[in-house]
Amino acid sequence: HCKTKYFRDNFKAQLGKLTVTYGPCQTPTLWFVVHRHDTIVTHVPRPFWNVGVELAIGGDAVAAGGLVGGGMALSSTRGDLWAETEADAVIQATTDSTRASVVSVETGRPLSVPKPLPLNTVALLKAASETLGISPGDTMHYAEKLYLSGYTSYPRTETTKYAEAFDLTGTLAMLACLGNA
């Protein structure tokens, strides 16, 4: 509270009636916000090239890598192509080639889609903005209304994991009983 009072007393002319809080939670958050803003403002777009390949395997065309999409990913041992001349060289090398060979085959564990985690505030704001086009302010307003109506937990909870010893089943059963009372 002392730091907030300091800001109010010393910057009253600049802030007017605007309330600004300053403390151990706000300082790191403010740093991230300012750092991100500076990154956006000073960003200089850098062109890059992405080479896609289409292979004919047994008469079927298979798109691979890059912007072409498909179920097969190919990558250059050179890494990202940040110069057009590099992309042209890769295209020329593949165009001039009449044969391709398999250098190695690697297999790994089968992949599966993990179960979705509960939304924390950042994930909620991102999903609402990208999927629904809802502003962060409106999203938090709706989250607060859902919370106050008893439909959700506190909207700013950042916890996505419970301790091993936490009795989730027992807690849910107790909450279900309370809901029926």
N, C-alpha and C. Protein backbone atom coordinates (compact mmCIF):
# COMPACT_ATOMS: atom_id res chain seq x y z
N HIS A 1 0.82 -1.20 0.00
CA HIS A 1 0.00 0.00 0.00
C HIS A 1 0.86 1.26 0.00
N CYS A 2 2.05 1.19 0.60
CA CYS A 2 2.92 2.36 0.67
C CYS A 2 3.34 2.82 -0.72
N LYS A 3 3.65 1.85 -1.59
CA LYS A 3 4.08 2.21 -2.94
C LYS A 3 2.93 2.82 -3.74
N THR A 4 1.73 2.26 -3.56
CA THR A 4 0.56 2.81 -4.24
C THR A 4 0.31 4.24 -3.76
N LYS A 5 0.40 4.47 -2.47
CA LYS A 5 0.22 5.81 -1.91
C LYS A 5 1.28 6.76 -2.46
N TYR A 6 2.52 6.29 -2.56
CA TYR A 6 3.60 7.11 -3.12
C TYR A 6 3.25 7.57 -4.53
N PHE A 7 2.78 6.64 -5.37
CA PHE A 7 2.43 6.99 -6.74
C PHE A 7 1.26 7.98 -6.77
N ARG A 8 0.26 7.73 -5.95
CA ARG A 8 -0.89 8.66 -5.91
C ARG A 8 -0.46 10.06 -5.50
N ASP A 9 0.39 10.14 -4.46
CA ASP A 9 0.82 11.44 -3.95
C ASP A 9 1.74 12.16 -4.93
N ASN A 10 2.64 11.45 -5.58
CA ASN A 10 3.65 12.09 -6.41
C ASN A 10 3.27 12.24 -7.88
N PHE A 11 2.26 11.54 -8.32
CA PHE A 11 1.88 11.64 -9.74
C PHE A 11 0.40 11.99 -9.89
N LYS A 12 -0.15 12.67 -8.90
CA LYS A 12 -1.56 13.03 -8.92
C LYS A 12 -1.92 13.87 -10.14
N ALA A 13 -1.05 14.81 -10.50
CA ALA A 13 -1.33 15.68 -11.65
C ALA A 13 -1.41 14.88 -12.94
N GLN A 14 -0.53 13.89 -13.11
CA GLN A 14 -0.52 13.09 -14.32
C GLN A 14 -1.66 12.06 -14.34
N LEU A 15 -1.99 11.52 -13.16
CA LEU A 15 -2.98 10.45 -13.09
C LEU A 15 -4.41 10.95 -12.93
N GLY A 16 -4.58 12.12 -12.35
CA GLY A 16 -5.93 12.61 -12.10
C GLY A 16 -6.65 11.68 -11.16
N LYS A 17 -7.85 11.26 -11.52
CA LYS A 17 -8.64 10.37 -10.67
C LYS A 17 -8.35 8.90 -10.95
N LEU A 18 -7.47 8.64 -11.91
CA LEU A 18 -7.12 7.27 -12.28
C LEU A 18 -6.41 6.58 -11.12
N THR A 19 -6.84 5.40 -10.77
CA THR A 19 -6.21 4.63 -9.71
C THR A 19 -5.16 3.72 -10.31
N VAL A 20 -3.98 3.78 -9.77
CA VAL A 20 -2.89 2.91 -10.21
C VAL A 20 -2.37 2.19 -8.99
N THR A 21 -2.31 0.86 -9.07
CA THR A 21 -1.75 0.11 -7.95
C THR A 21 -0.36 -0.34 -8.33
N TYR A 22 0.48 -0.50 -7.34
CA TYR A 22 1.87 -0.84 -7.54
C TYR A 22 2.27 -1.75 -6.40
N GLY A 23 2.73 -2.91 -6.72
CA GLY A 23 3.12 -3.83 -5.67
C GLY A 23 3.82 -5.04 -6.22
N PRO A 24 4.05 -6.06 -5.38
CA PRO A 24 4.83 -7.22 -5.79
C PRO A 24 4.18 -8.04 -6.91
N CYS A 25 2.86 -7.98 -7.05
CA CYS A 25 2.19 -8.72 -8.13
C CYS A 25 2.19 -7.90 -9.42
N GLN A 26 1.96 -6.60 -9.28
CA GLN A 26 1.83 -5.76 -10.46
C GLN A 26 3.16 -5.50 -11.16
N THR A 27 4.25 -5.40 -10.39
CA THR A 27 5.54 -5.05 -10.98
C THR A 27 5.99 -6.05 -12.03
N PRO A 28 6.03 -7.37 -11.74
CA PRO A 28 6.45 -8.31 -12.80
C PRO A 28 5.48 -8.30 -13.98
N THR A 29 4.20 -8.18 -13.71
CA THR A 29 3.22 -8.15 -14.79
C THR A 29 3.44 -6.93 -15.67
N LEU A 30 3.67 -5.78 -15.04
CA LEU A 30 3.93 -4.57 -15.80
C LEU A 30 5.18 -4.73 -16.66
N TRP A 31 6.22 -5.38 -16.11
CA TRP A 31 7.44 -5.60 -16.89
C TRP A 31 7.13 -6.42 -18.14
N PHE A 32 6.35 -7.51 -17.98
CA PHE A 32 6.00 -8.34 -19.13
C PHE A 32 5.21 -7.55 -20.17
N VAL A 33 4.27 -6.74 -19.71
CA VAL A 33 3.45 -5.94 -20.62
C VAL A 33 4.32 -4.94 -21.37
N VAL A 34 5.18 -4.23 -20.66
CA VAL A 34 6.04 -3.23 -21.29
C VAL A 34 7.02 -3.91 -22.24
N HIS A 35 7.61 -5.03 -21.80
CA HIS A 35 8.54 -5.75 -22.66
C HIS A 35 7.86 -6.22 -23.95
N ARG A 36 6.65 -6.75 -23.84
CA ARG A 36 5.92 -7.21 -25.02
C ARG A 36 5.58 -6.04 -25.93
N HIS A 37 5.16 -4.92 -25.33
CA HIS A 37 4.85 -3.73 -26.12
C HIS A 37 6.09 -3.26 -26.88
N ASP A 38 7.24 -3.20 -26.19
CA ASP A 38 8.48 -2.78 -26.85
C ASP A 38 8.85 -3.74 -27.98
N THR A 39 8.67 -5.02 -27.75
CA THR A 39 8.97 -6.02 -28.79
C THR A 39 8.09 -5.80 -30.02
N ILE A 40 6.82 -5.53 -29.80
CA ILE A 40 5.89 -5.30 -30.91
C ILE A 40 6.25 -4.03 -31.65
N VAL A 41 6.52 -2.95 -30.92
CA VAL A 41 6.82 -1.65 -31.53
C VAL A 41 8.12 -1.69 -32.32
N THR A 42 9.13 -2.41 -31.82
CA THR A 42 10.43 -2.41 -32.49
C THR A 42 10.59 -3.56 -33.49
N HIS A 43 9.56 -4.38 -33.66
CA HIS A 43 9.66 -5.52 -34.57
C HIS A 43 9.84 -5.07 -36.02
N VAL A 44 10.79 -5.69 -36.68
CA VAL A 44 11.00 -5.46 -38.10
C VAL A 44 10.73 -6.79 -38.79
N PRO A 45 9.68 -6.84 -39.64
CA PRO A 45 9.37 -8.11 -40.32
C PRO A 45 10.58 -8.61 -41.12
N ARG A 46 10.78 -9.91 -41.06
CA ARG A 46 11.90 -10.53 -41.76
C ARG A 46 11.33 -11.59 -42.70
N PRO A 47 11.60 -11.46 -43.99
CA PRO A 47 11.05 -12.46 -44.92
C PRO A 47 11.70 -13.83 -44.73
N PHE A 48 10.92 -14.87 -45.00
CA PHE A 48 11.47 -16.21 -44.94
C PHE A 48 10.82 -17.03 -46.06
N TRP A 49 11.44 -18.14 -46.37
CA TRP A 49 10.94 -19.01 -47.42
C TRP A 49 10.73 -20.39 -46.85
N ASN A 50 9.68 -21.03 -47.32
CA ASN A 50 9.32 -22.35 -46.85
C ASN A 50 9.08 -23.19 -48.10
N VAL A 51 9.87 -24.24 -48.27
CA VAL A 51 9.77 -25.07 -49.47
C VAL A 51 8.92 -26.29 -49.15
N GLY A 52 7.84 -26.47 -49.91
CA GLY A 52 7.01 -27.65 -49.78
C GLY A 52 7.35 -28.64 -50.87
N VAL A 53 7.12 -29.91 -50.60
CA VAL A 53 7.48 -30.96 -51.56
C VAL A 53 6.26 -31.84 -51.78
N GLU A 54 6.07 -32.28 -53.01
CA GLU A 54 5.04 -33.26 -53.28
C GLU A 54 5.72 -34.48 -53.88
N LEU A 55 5.48 -35.62 -53.27
CA LEU A 55 6.12 -36.86 -53.70
C LEU A 55 5.07 -37.76 -54.33
N ALA A 56 5.50 -38.52 -55.32
CA ALA A 56 4.62 -39.54 -55.90
C ALA A 56 5.08 -40.89 -55.35
N ILE A 57 4.20 -41.52 -54.57
CA ILE A 57 4.52 -42.81 -53.97
C ILE A 57 3.47 -43.80 -54.44
N GLY A 58 3.90 -44.74 -55.27
CA GLY A 58 2.98 -45.74 -55.79
C GLY A 58 1.81 -45.13 -56.54
N GLY A 59 2.04 -44.05 -57.23
CA GLY A 59 0.97 -43.43 -58.01
C GLY A 59 0.14 -42.43 -57.23
N ASP A 60 0.29 -42.40 -55.90
CA ASP A 60 -0.43 -41.42 -55.08
C ASP A 60 0.47 -40.23 -54.78
N ALA A 61 -0.09 -39.03 -54.90
CA ALA A 61 0.67 -37.83 -54.57
C ALA A 61 0.55 -37.57 -53.07
N VAL A 62 1.67 -37.32 -52.43
CA VAL A 62 1.70 -37.04 -51.00
C VAL A 62 2.34 -35.67 -50.82
N ALA A 63 1.61 -34.74 -50.25
CA ALA A 63 2.16 -33.43 -49.96
C ALA A 63 3.00 -33.53 -48.70
N ALA A 64 4.11 -32.82 -48.67
CA ALA A 64 4.99 -32.93 -47.51
C ALA A 64 5.57 -31.58 -47.12
N GLY A 65 5.47 -31.27 -45.87
CA GLY A 65 6.15 -30.12 -45.30
C GLY A 65 5.64 -28.78 -45.77
N GLY A 66 6.13 -27.75 -45.14
CA GLY A 66 5.89 -26.38 -45.56
C GLY A 66 4.44 -25.98 -45.58
N LEU A 67 4.14 -25.03 -46.44
CA LEU A 67 2.81 -24.47 -46.52
C LEU A 67 1.85 -25.38 -47.28
N VAL A 68 2.41 -26.42 -47.92
CA VAL A 68 1.58 -27.35 -48.68
C VAL A 68 0.72 -28.17 -47.73
N GLY A 69 1.24 -28.48 -46.55
CA GLY A 69 0.49 -29.28 -45.58
C GLY A 69 0.70 -30.76 -45.82
N GLY A 70 -0.22 -31.57 -45.38
CA GLY A 70 -0.11 -33.00 -45.60
C GLY A 70 0.29 -33.73 -44.34
N GLY A 71 0.39 -35.06 -44.46
CA GLY A 71 0.67 -35.87 -43.30
C GLY A 71 2.12 -36.24 -43.14
N MET A 72 3.00 -35.60 -43.86
CA MET A 72 4.41 -35.98 -43.83
C MET A 72 5.23 -34.70 -43.74
N ALA A 73 6.16 -34.65 -42.84
CA ALA A 73 6.96 -33.43 -42.68
C ALA A 73 8.39 -33.67 -43.13
N LEU A 74 8.90 -32.82 -43.98
CA LEU A 74 10.29 -32.86 -44.40
C LEU A 74 10.94 -31.57 -43.93
N SER A 75 12.19 -31.67 -43.51
CA SER A 75 12.88 -30.45 -43.12
C SER A 75 14.29 -30.47 -43.66
N SER A 76 14.80 -29.30 -43.95
CA SER A 76 16.14 -29.16 -44.49
C SER A 76 17.16 -29.27 -43.37
N THR A 77 18.30 -29.90 -43.67
CA THR A 77 19.38 -29.94 -42.68
C THR A 77 19.98 -28.56 -42.50
N ARG A 78 19.68 -27.64 -43.40
CA ARG A 78 20.17 -26.26 -43.30
C ARG A 78 19.36 -25.46 -42.28
N GLY A 79 18.21 -25.97 -41.88
CA GLY A 79 17.36 -25.22 -40.95
C GLY A 79 16.45 -24.27 -41.72
N ASP A 80 16.07 -23.17 -41.07
CA ASP A 80 15.17 -22.20 -41.69
C ASP A 80 15.84 -21.54 -42.89
N LEU A 81 15.03 -21.23 -43.88
CA LEU A 81 15.53 -20.57 -45.08
C LEU A 81 15.20 -19.09 -45.00
N TRP A 82 16.20 -18.29 -44.63
CA TRP A 82 15.98 -16.86 -44.43
C TRP A 82 16.42 -16.03 -45.62
N ALA A 83 16.91 -16.68 -46.65
CA ALA A 83 17.31 -15.96 -47.87
C ALA A 83 16.67 -16.64 -49.07
N GLU A 84 16.20 -15.85 -50.01
CA GLU A 84 15.54 -16.39 -51.20
C GLU A 84 16.50 -17.26 -52.00
N THR A 85 17.79 -16.89 -52.02
CA THR A 85 18.77 -17.68 -52.77
C THR A 85 18.90 -19.09 -52.20
N GLU A 86 18.79 -19.22 -50.85
CA GLU A 86 18.83 -20.55 -50.23
C GLU A 86 17.62 -21.38 -50.66
N ALA A 87 16.45 -20.77 -50.65
CA ALA A 87 15.23 -21.47 -51.06
C ALA A 87 15.33 -21.88 -52.53
N ASP A 88 15.84 -20.98 -53.36
CA ASP A 88 16.02 -21.30 -54.78
C ASP A 88 16.99 -22.47 -54.96
N ALA A 89 18.05 -22.52 -54.15
CA ALA A 89 19.02 -23.62 -54.24
C ALA A 89 18.38 -24.95 -53.87
N VAL A 90 17.54 -24.96 -52.85
CA VAL A 90 16.85 -26.19 -52.46
C VAL A 90 15.90 -26.63 -53.57
N ILE A 91 15.16 -25.68 -54.12
CA ILE A 91 14.23 -26.01 -55.21
C ILE A 91 14.99 -26.54 -56.41
N GLN A 92 16.10 -25.90 -56.78
CA GLN A 92 16.90 -26.33 -57.94
C GLN A 92 17.45 -27.73 -57.71
N ALA A 93 17.94 -28.01 -56.49
CA ALA A 93 18.51 -29.33 -56.19
C ALA A 93 17.45 -30.42 -56.31
N THR A 94 16.24 -30.14 -55.88
CA THR A 94 15.19 -31.15 -55.98
C THR A 94 14.65 -31.26 -57.40
N THR A 95 14.64 -30.16 -58.12
CA THR A 95 14.15 -30.18 -59.50
C THR A 95 15.11 -30.95 -60.40
N ASP A 96 16.42 -30.78 -60.18
CA ASP A 96 17.43 -31.45 -61.00
C ASP A 96 17.52 -32.94 -60.70
N SER A 97 17.04 -33.36 -59.54
CA SER A 97 17.16 -34.75 -59.14
C SER A 97 16.10 -35.60 -59.81
N THR A 98 16.50 -36.78 -60.26
CA THR A 98 15.54 -37.69 -60.87
C THR A 98 15.18 -38.83 -59.92
N ARG A 99 15.88 -38.92 -58.80
CA ARG A 99 15.64 -39.98 -57.85
C ARG A 99 15.67 -39.43 -56.43
N ALA A 100 15.01 -40.14 -55.58
CA ALA A 100 15.06 -39.83 -54.16
C ALA A 100 15.28 -41.13 -53.42
N SER A 101 15.91 -41.06 -52.28
CA SER A 101 16.11 -42.29 -51.51
C SER A 101 15.81 -42.01 -50.04
N VAL A 102 15.44 -43.07 -49.37
CA VAL A 102 15.17 -42.97 -47.93
C VAL A 102 16.51 -43.11 -47.22
N VAL A 103 16.88 -42.08 -46.47
CA VAL A 103 18.15 -42.10 -45.76
C VAL A 103 18.00 -42.84 -44.44
N SER A 104 16.89 -42.59 -43.73
CA SER A 104 16.65 -43.30 -42.47
C SER A 104 15.16 -43.27 -42.17
N VAL A 105 14.76 -44.23 -41.37
CA VAL A 105 13.38 -44.30 -40.91
C VAL A 105 13.43 -44.35 -39.39
N GLU A 106 12.73 -43.44 -38.77
CA GLU A 106 12.69 -43.41 -37.31
C GLU A 106 11.25 -43.62 -36.87
N THR A 107 11.08 -44.46 -35.88
CA THR A 107 9.75 -44.65 -35.33
C THR A 107 9.79 -44.25 -33.87
N GLY A 108 8.71 -43.78 -33.42
CA GLY A 108 8.61 -43.36 -32.02
C GLY A 108 7.33 -43.89 -31.42
N ARG A 109 7.08 -43.44 -30.24
CA ARG A 109 5.85 -43.88 -29.58
C ARG A 109 4.65 -43.27 -30.32
N PRO A 110 3.53 -43.95 -30.31
CA PRO A 110 2.33 -43.40 -30.95
C PRO A 110 1.92 -42.10 -30.26
N LEU A 111 1.54 -41.15 -31.03
CA LEU A 111 1.13 -39.87 -30.48
C LEU A 111 -0.37 -39.86 -30.25
N SER A 112 -0.77 -39.20 -29.18
CA SER A 112 -2.19 -39.03 -28.93
C SER A 112 -2.43 -37.61 -28.47
N VAL A 113 -3.62 -37.15 -28.63
CA VAL A 113 -3.97 -35.81 -28.21
C VAL A 113 -4.22 -35.84 -26.71
N PRO A 114 -3.49 -35.00 -25.94
CA PRO A 114 -3.70 -35.02 -24.49
C PRO A 114 -5.04 -34.39 -24.13
N LYS A 115 -5.55 -34.76 -22.96
CA LYS A 115 -6.81 -34.17 -22.51
C LYS A 115 -6.60 -32.67 -22.30
N PRO A 116 -7.60 -31.87 -22.55
CA PRO A 116 -7.42 -30.42 -22.37
C PRO A 116 -7.29 -30.06 -20.90
N LEU A 117 -6.44 -29.09 -20.62
CA LEU A 117 -6.29 -28.59 -19.26
C LEU A 117 -7.36 -27.55 -18.98
N PRO A 118 -7.67 -27.32 -17.71
CA PRO A 118 -8.61 -26.24 -17.40
C PRO A 118 -8.04 -24.91 -17.90
N LEU A 119 -8.93 -24.00 -18.25
CA LEU A 119 -8.47 -22.70 -18.73
C LEU A 119 -7.98 -21.85 -17.56
N ASN A 120 -6.76 -21.33 -17.68
CA ASN A 120 -6.35 -20.29 -16.75
C ASN A 120 -6.72 -18.95 -17.41
N THR A 121 -6.47 -17.86 -16.77
CA THR A 121 -6.91 -16.57 -17.29
C THR A 121 -6.33 -16.29 -18.67
N VAL A 122 -5.03 -16.53 -18.82
CA VAL A 122 -4.38 -16.24 -20.10
C VAL A 122 -4.97 -17.10 -21.22
N ALA A 123 -5.16 -18.40 -20.95
CA ALA A 123 -5.74 -19.29 -21.96
C ALA A 123 -7.18 -18.90 -22.27
N LEU A 124 -7.93 -18.50 -21.25
CA LEU A 124 -9.31 -18.06 -21.45
C LEU A 124 -9.35 -16.82 -22.34
N LEU A 125 -8.52 -15.83 -22.04
CA LEU A 125 -8.50 -14.60 -22.83
C LEU A 125 -8.09 -14.88 -24.27
N LYS A 126 -7.10 -15.74 -24.45
CA LYS A 126 -6.63 -16.08 -25.80
C LYS A 126 -7.72 -16.81 -26.59
N ALA A 127 -8.34 -17.81 -25.96
CA ALA A 127 -9.39 -18.58 -26.65
C ALA A 127 -10.58 -17.69 -27.00
N ALA A 128 -11.00 -16.83 -26.08
CA ALA A 128 -12.15 -15.96 -26.35
C ALA A 128 -11.83 -14.98 -27.47
N SER A 129 -10.62 -14.47 -27.49
CA SER A 129 -10.23 -13.50 -28.52
C SER A 129 -10.09 -14.17 -29.88
N GLU A 130 -9.33 -15.27 -29.94
CA GLU A 130 -9.05 -15.93 -31.23
C GLU A 130 -10.27 -16.65 -31.79
N THR A 131 -11.03 -17.31 -30.93
CA THR A 131 -12.14 -18.13 -31.40
C THR A 131 -13.43 -17.36 -31.54
N LEU A 132 -13.72 -16.51 -30.56
CA LEU A 132 -15.01 -15.82 -30.54
C LEU A 132 -14.93 -14.33 -30.88
N GLY A 133 -13.72 -13.78 -30.93
CA GLY A 133 -13.56 -12.36 -31.22
C GLY A 133 -14.03 -11.47 -30.07
N ILE A 134 -13.97 -11.98 -28.84
CA ILE A 134 -14.41 -11.21 -27.67
C ILE A 134 -13.19 -10.53 -27.06
N SER A 135 -13.31 -9.25 -26.74
CA SER A 135 -12.18 -8.50 -26.17
C SER A 135 -11.84 -9.04 -24.78
N PRO A 136 -10.61 -8.80 -24.32
CA PRO A 136 -10.23 -9.25 -22.97
C PRO A 136 -11.12 -8.65 -21.88
N GLY A 137 -11.48 -7.38 -22.01
CA GLY A 137 -12.34 -6.74 -21.01
C GLY A 137 -13.70 -7.41 -20.94
N ASP A 138 -14.29 -7.67 -22.11
CA ASP A 138 -15.59 -8.34 -22.14
C ASP A 138 -15.50 -9.76 -21.62
N THR A 139 -14.40 -10.45 -21.98
CA THR A 139 -14.21 -11.83 -21.50
C THR A 139 -14.18 -11.88 -19.98
N MET A 140 -13.41 -10.98 -19.37
CA MET A 140 -13.33 -10.97 -17.92
C MET A 140 -14.67 -10.57 -17.30
N HIS A 141 -15.41 -9.70 -17.96
CA HIS A 141 -16.74 -9.32 -17.48
C HIS A 141 -17.66 -10.54 -17.46
N TYR A 142 -17.67 -11.30 -18.57
CA TYR A 142 -18.51 -12.49 -18.64
C TYR A 142 -18.04 -13.56 -17.64
N ALA A 143 -16.71 -13.72 -17.48
CA ALA A 143 -16.19 -14.69 -16.52
C ALA A 143 -16.62 -14.33 -15.11
N GLU A 144 -16.59 -13.03 -14.81
CA GLU A 144 -17.01 -12.58 -13.48
C GLU A 144 -18.51 -12.85 -13.27
N LYS A 145 -19.33 -12.59 -14.31
CA LYS A 145 -20.77 -12.85 -14.19
C LYS A 145 -21.04 -14.34 -13.97
N LEU A 146 -20.31 -15.20 -14.67
CA LEU A 146 -20.48 -16.64 -14.48
C LEU A 146 -20.08 -17.04 -13.07
N TYR A 147 -19.00 -16.44 -12.58
CA TYR A 147 -18.54 -16.74 -11.21
C TYR A 147 -19.58 -16.27 -10.19
N LEU A 148 -20.05 -15.05 -10.33
CA LEU A 148 -21.01 -14.50 -9.37
C LEU A 148 -22.34 -15.25 -9.40
N SER A 149 -22.65 -15.87 -10.55
CA SER A 149 -23.87 -16.66 -10.65
C SER A 149 -23.67 -18.09 -10.17
N GLY A 150 -22.42 -18.44 -9.80
CA GLY A 150 -22.14 -19.77 -9.26
C GLY A 150 -21.86 -20.83 -10.29
N TYR A 151 -21.64 -20.44 -11.56
CA TYR A 151 -21.40 -21.44 -12.60
C TYR A 151 -19.94 -21.86 -12.72
N THR A 152 -19.01 -21.01 -12.31
CA THR A 152 -17.59 -21.32 -12.44
C THR A 152 -16.86 -20.99 -11.15
N SER A 153 -15.62 -21.47 -11.09
CA SER A 153 -14.76 -21.10 -9.97
C SER A 153 -14.26 -19.68 -10.20
N TYR A 154 -13.50 -19.17 -9.26
CA TYR A 154 -13.00 -17.81 -9.37
C TYR A 154 -12.30 -17.63 -10.72
N PRO A 155 -12.68 -16.62 -11.51
CA PRO A 155 -12.21 -16.52 -12.90
C PRO A 155 -10.72 -16.25 -13.06
N ARG A 156 -10.02 -15.85 -12.01
CA ARG A 156 -8.61 -15.56 -12.19
C ARG A 156 -7.71 -16.63 -11.58
N THR A 157 -8.24 -17.78 -11.29
CA THR A 157 -7.45 -18.87 -10.73
C THR A 157 -6.50 -19.39 -11.80
N GLU A 158 -5.21 -19.46 -11.47
CA GLU A 158 -4.21 -19.89 -12.44
C GLU A 158 -3.79 -21.35 -12.25
N THR A 159 -4.34 -22.03 -11.26
CA THR A 159 -3.94 -23.40 -10.98
C THR A 159 -4.54 -24.36 -12.00
N THR A 160 -3.69 -25.17 -12.62
CA THR A 160 -4.18 -26.17 -13.57
C THR A 160 -3.87 -27.59 -13.09
N LYS A 161 -3.23 -27.72 -11.93
CA LYS A 161 -2.91 -29.04 -11.38
C LYS A 161 -3.23 -29.05 -9.89
N TYR A 162 -3.61 -30.20 -9.40
CA TYR A 162 -3.87 -30.39 -7.98
C TYR A 162 -2.72 -31.17 -7.38
N ALA A 163 -2.48 -30.99 -6.10
CA ALA A 163 -1.45 -31.76 -5.39
C ALA A 163 -1.84 -33.23 -5.41
N GLU A 164 -0.84 -34.10 -5.37
CA GLU A 164 -1.08 -35.55 -5.40
C GLU A 164 -2.04 -35.98 -4.29
N ALA A 165 -1.93 -35.37 -3.11
CA ALA A 165 -2.72 -35.77 -1.95
C ALA A 165 -4.13 -35.17 -1.97
N PHE A 166 -4.43 -34.30 -2.91
CA PHE A 166 -5.74 -33.64 -2.94
C PHE A 166 -6.83 -34.66 -3.31
N ASP A 167 -7.89 -34.72 -2.51
CA ASP A 167 -8.98 -35.66 -2.74
C ASP A 167 -10.01 -35.00 -3.67
N LEU A 168 -9.76 -35.08 -4.96
CA LEU A 168 -10.63 -34.45 -5.94
C LEU A 168 -12.02 -35.07 -5.94
N THR A 169 -12.10 -36.39 -5.92
CA THR A 169 -13.39 -37.07 -5.94
C THR A 169 -14.22 -36.70 -4.72
N GLY A 170 -13.60 -36.73 -3.53
CA GLY A 170 -14.30 -36.37 -2.31
C GLY A 170 -14.78 -34.93 -2.32
N THR A 171 -13.92 -34.03 -2.82
CA THR A 171 -14.28 -32.62 -2.88
C THR A 171 -15.44 -32.40 -3.84
N LEU A 172 -15.41 -33.05 -4.99
CA LEU A 172 -16.51 -32.91 -5.95
C LEU A 172 -17.81 -33.48 -5.39
N ALA A 173 -17.71 -34.60 -4.68
CA ALA A 173 -18.92 -35.18 -4.06
C ALA A 173 -19.50 -34.23 -3.03
N MET A 174 -18.64 -33.60 -2.22
CA MET A 174 -19.10 -32.65 -1.22
C MET A 174 -19.78 -31.43 -1.89
N LEU A 175 -19.17 -30.94 -2.96
CA LEU A 175 -19.74 -29.79 -3.67
C LEU A 175 -21.08 -30.17 -4.31
N ALA A 176 -21.17 -31.40 -4.82
CA ALA A 176 -22.43 -31.85 -5.42
C ALA A 176 -23.52 -31.89 -4.36
N CYS A 177 -23.18 -32.34 -3.16
CA CYS A 177 -24.17 -32.36 -2.06
C CYS A 177 -24.61 -30.95 -1.69
N LEU A 178 -23.65 -30.03 -1.66
CA LEU A 178 -23.99 -28.63 -1.35
C LEU A 178 -24.91 -28.04 -2.40
N GLY A 179 -24.66 -28.43 -3.66
CA GLY A 179 -25.48 -27.91 -4.76
C GLY A 179 -26.92 -28.42 -4.67
N ASN A 180 -27.12 -29.57 -4.08
CA ASN A 180 -28.45 -30.15 -3.97
C ASN A 180 -29.18 -29.66 -2.73
N ALA A 181 -28.48 -28.98 -1.83
CA ALA A 181 -29.10 -28.53 -0.58
C ALA A 181 -29.98 -27.33 -0.77
